[in-house]
Amino acid sequence: MKLVAKELKITPEDISEKVRGEETIKRLLSNLSTVVNGISELRNLYGSGHGKKKHYTSLEPRHARLAVGASSVLATFIIETYEKHKNKKQ
C-alpha cells in the first residue's frame, strides 16, 4: 500500500494545505494502510490457508462483509486515482 500510495501521490504529505478538508483527507489517507493491514490479519487468522486444521472457526459473515466492503472501496479509490493520473498524462 505504501508503494502504491507514493506512486499515485495519495499520501498525507501529498495533500496541500490549501485543500478544503485537508486534515480530514490526510487522516483518511493515513488510515488506508490500517485497512490493508487489518484485512491481511483477518486472512491470516481466519483464512483456510496456512496449514489450518480441518476444523477451524471461520470469520463471521458480517465481519467478512466488512472486510470485503472496505477492500472494495479501497480498490475502487486506487483505480479511480490511477485513471485520473493516466488521463492527465495524455
C-alpha atoms as a PDB file:
ATOM      1  CA  MET A   1       0.000   0.000   0.000  1.00  0.00           C
ATOM      2  CA  LYS A   2       2.865   2.370   0.811  1.00  0.00           C
ATOM      3  CA  LEU A   3       4.368   1.988  -2.654  1.00  0.00           C
ATOM      4  CA  VAL A   4       1.025   2.438  -4.410  1.00  0.00           C
ATOM      5  CA  ALA A   5       0.136   5.484  -2.300  1.00  0.00           C
ATOM      6  CA  LYS A   6       3.508   7.064  -3.009  1.00  0.00           C
ATOM      7  CA  GLU A   7       3.290   6.367  -6.744  1.00  0.00           C
ATOM      8  CA  LEU A   8      -0.254   7.767  -7.003  1.00  0.00           C
ATOM      9  CA  LYS A   9       0.577  10.707  -4.728  1.00  0.00           C
ATOM     10  CA  ILE A  10      -2.118   9.868  -2.210  1.00  0.00           C
ATOM     11  CA  THR A  11      -0.012  10.034   0.911  1.00  0.00           C
ATOM     12  CA  PRO A  12      -0.976  12.562   3.585  1.00  0.00           C
ATOM     13  CA  GLU A  13       2.121  14.565   2.661  1.00  0.00           C
ATOM     14  CA  ASP A  14       0.792  14.975  -0.887  1.00  0.00           C
ATOM     15  CA  ILE A  15      -2.266  16.943   0.246  1.00  0.00           C
ATOM     16  CA  SER A  16      -1.864  20.693   0.000  1.00  0.00           C
ATOM     17  CA  GLU A  17      -2.735  22.916   2.936  1.00  0.00           C
ATOM     18  CA  LYS A  18      -4.958  24.817   0.510  1.00  0.00           C
ATOM     19  CA  VAL A  19      -7.308  21.853   0.022  1.00  0.00           C
ATOM     20  CA  ARG A  20     -10.621  22.180   1.808  1.00  0.00           C
ATOM     21  CA  GLY A  21     -10.861  19.494   4.499  1.00  0.00           C
ATOM     22  CA  GLU A  22      -7.108  18.945   4.332  1.00  0.00           C
ATOM     23  CA  GLU A  23      -6.780  17.460   7.830  1.00  0.00           C
ATOM     24  CA  THR A  24      -9.696  15.077   7.316  1.00  0.00           C
ATOM     25  CA  ILE A  25      -8.388  13.906   3.939  1.00  0.00           C
ATOM     26  CA  LYS A  26      -4.924  13.397   5.400  1.00  0.00           C
ATOM     27  CA  ARG A  27      -6.373  11.364   8.269  1.00  0.00           C
ATOM     28  CA  LEU A  28      -8.360   9.163   5.878  1.00  0.00           C
ATOM     29  CA  LEU A  29      -5.344   8.610   3.639  1.00  0.00           C
ATOM     30  CA  SER A  30      -3.152   7.679   6.587  1.00  0.00           C
ATOM     31  CA  ASN A  31      -5.737   5.106   7.646  1.00  0.00           C
ATOM     32  CA  LEU A  32      -5.665   3.294   4.295  1.00  0.00           C
ATOM     33  CA  SER A  33      -2.699   1.179   5.355  1.00  0.00           C
ATOM     34  CA  THR A  34      -4.576   0.283   8.534  1.00  0.00           C
ATOM     35  CA  VAL A  35      -7.386  -1.157   6.396  1.00  0.00           C
ATOM     36  CA  VAL A  36      -4.904  -3.178   4.340  1.00  0.00           C
ATOM     37  CA  ASN A  37      -3.145  -4.474   7.465  1.00  0.00           C
ATOM     38  CA  GLY A  38      -6.450  -5.365   9.132  1.00  0.00           C
ATOM     39  CA  ILE A  39      -7.652  -7.349   6.129  1.00  0.00           C
ATOM     40  CA  SER A  40      -4.319  -9.156   5.973  1.00  0.00           C
ATOM     41  CA  GLU A  41      -4.515 -10.015   9.665  1.00  0.00           C
ATOM     42  CA  LEU A  42      -8.056 -11.352   9.292  1.00  0.00           C
ATOM     43  CA  ARG A  43      -6.963 -13.510   6.372  1.00  0.00           C
ATOM     44  CA  ASN A  44      -4.115 -14.946   8.417  1.00  0.00           C
ATOM     45  CA  LEU A  45      -6.366 -15.617  11.405  1.00  0.00           C
ATOM     46  CA  TYR A  46      -9.480 -16.881   9.644  1.00  0.00           C
ATOM     47  CA  GLY A  47      -8.407 -17.916   6.153  1.00  0.00           C
ATOM     48  CA  SER A  48      -8.453 -21.559   5.182  1.00  0.00           C
ATOM     49  CA  GLY A  49      -4.815 -21.486   4.070  1.00  0.00           C
ATOM     50  CA  HIS A  50      -1.608 -21.502   6.086  1.00  0.00           C
ATOM     51  CA  GLY A  51      -1.983 -25.134   7.182  1.00  0.00           C
ATOM     52  CA  LYS A  52      -5.161 -24.681   9.203  1.00  0.00           C
ATOM     53  CA  LYS A  53      -6.584 -27.705  10.906  1.00  0.00           C
ATOM     54  CA  LYS A  54      -9.596 -29.395   9.401  1.00  0.00           C
ATOM     55  CA  HIS A  55     -11.930 -27.773  11.921  1.00  0.00           C
ATOM     56  CA  TYR A  56     -11.303 -24.108  12.419  1.00  0.00           C
ATOM     57  CA  THR A  57     -13.504 -21.157  13.236  1.00  0.00           C
ATOM     58  CA  SER A  58     -14.227 -19.009  10.231  1.00  0.00           C
ATOM     59  CA  LEU A  59     -14.904 -15.304  10.186  1.00  0.00           C
ATOM     60  CA  GLU A  60     -18.478 -14.262  10.929  1.00  0.00           C
ATOM     61  CA  PRO A  61     -20.387 -13.230   7.783  1.00  0.00           C
ATOM     62  CA  ARG A  62     -20.825  -9.642   8.983  1.00  0.00           C
ATOM     63  CA  HIS A  63     -17.084  -9.300   9.541  1.00  0.00           C
ATOM     64  CA  ALA A  64     -16.395 -10.873   6.164  1.00  0.00           C
ATOM     65  CA  ARG A  65     -18.735  -8.325   4.546  1.00  0.00           C
ATOM     66  CA  LEU A  66     -16.911  -5.541   6.386  1.00  0.00           C
ATOM     67  CA  ALA A  67     -13.552  -6.741   5.051  1.00  0.00           C
ATOM     68  CA  VAL A  68     -14.875  -7.174   1.509  1.00  0.00           C
ATOM     69  CA  GLY A  69     -16.624  -3.806   1.579  1.00  0.00           C
ATOM     70  CA  ALA A  70     -13.565  -1.986   2.896  1.00  0.00           C
ATOM     71  CA  SER A  71     -11.268  -3.620   0.350  1.00  0.00           C
ATOM     72  CA  SER A  72     -13.730  -2.881  -2.456  1.00  0.00           C
ATOM     73  CA  VAL A  73     -13.906   0.803  -1.562  1.00  0.00           C
ATOM     74  CA  LEU A  74     -10.123   0.985  -1.287  1.00  0.00           C
ATOM     75  CA  ALA A  75      -9.584  -0.787  -4.628  1.00  0.00           C
ATOM     76  CA  THR A  76     -12.087   1.500  -6.355  1.00  0.00           C
ATOM     77  CA  PHE A  77     -10.361   4.587  -4.926  1.00  0.00           C
ATOM     78  CA  ILE A  78      -6.967   3.353  -6.116  1.00  0.00           C
ATOM     79  CA  ILE A  79      -8.249   2.523  -9.611  1.00  0.00           C
ATOM     80  CA  GLU A  80     -10.039   5.868  -9.958  1.00  0.00           C
ATOM     81  CA  THR A  81      -6.921   7.719  -8.785  1.00  0.00           C
ATOM     82  CA  TYR A  82      -4.774   5.792 -11.253  1.00  0.00           C
ATOM     83  CA  GLU A  83      -7.202   6.593 -14.086  1.00  0.00           C
ATOM     84  CA  LYS A  84      -7.197  10.290 -13.157  1.00  0.00           C
ATOM     85  CA  HIS A  85      -3.381  10.399 -13.253  1.00  0.00           C
ATOM     86  CA  LYS A  86      -3.288   8.442 -16.507  1.00  0.00           C
ATOM     87  CA  ASN A  87      -5.749  10.822 -18.183  1.00  0.00           C
ATOM     88  CA  LYS A  88      -3.748  13.874 -17.053  1.00  0.00           C
ATOM     89  CA  LYS A  89      -0.654  12.489 -18.802  1.00  0.00           C
ATOM     90  CA  GLN A  90      -2.458  12.098 -22.135  1.00  0.00           C
END
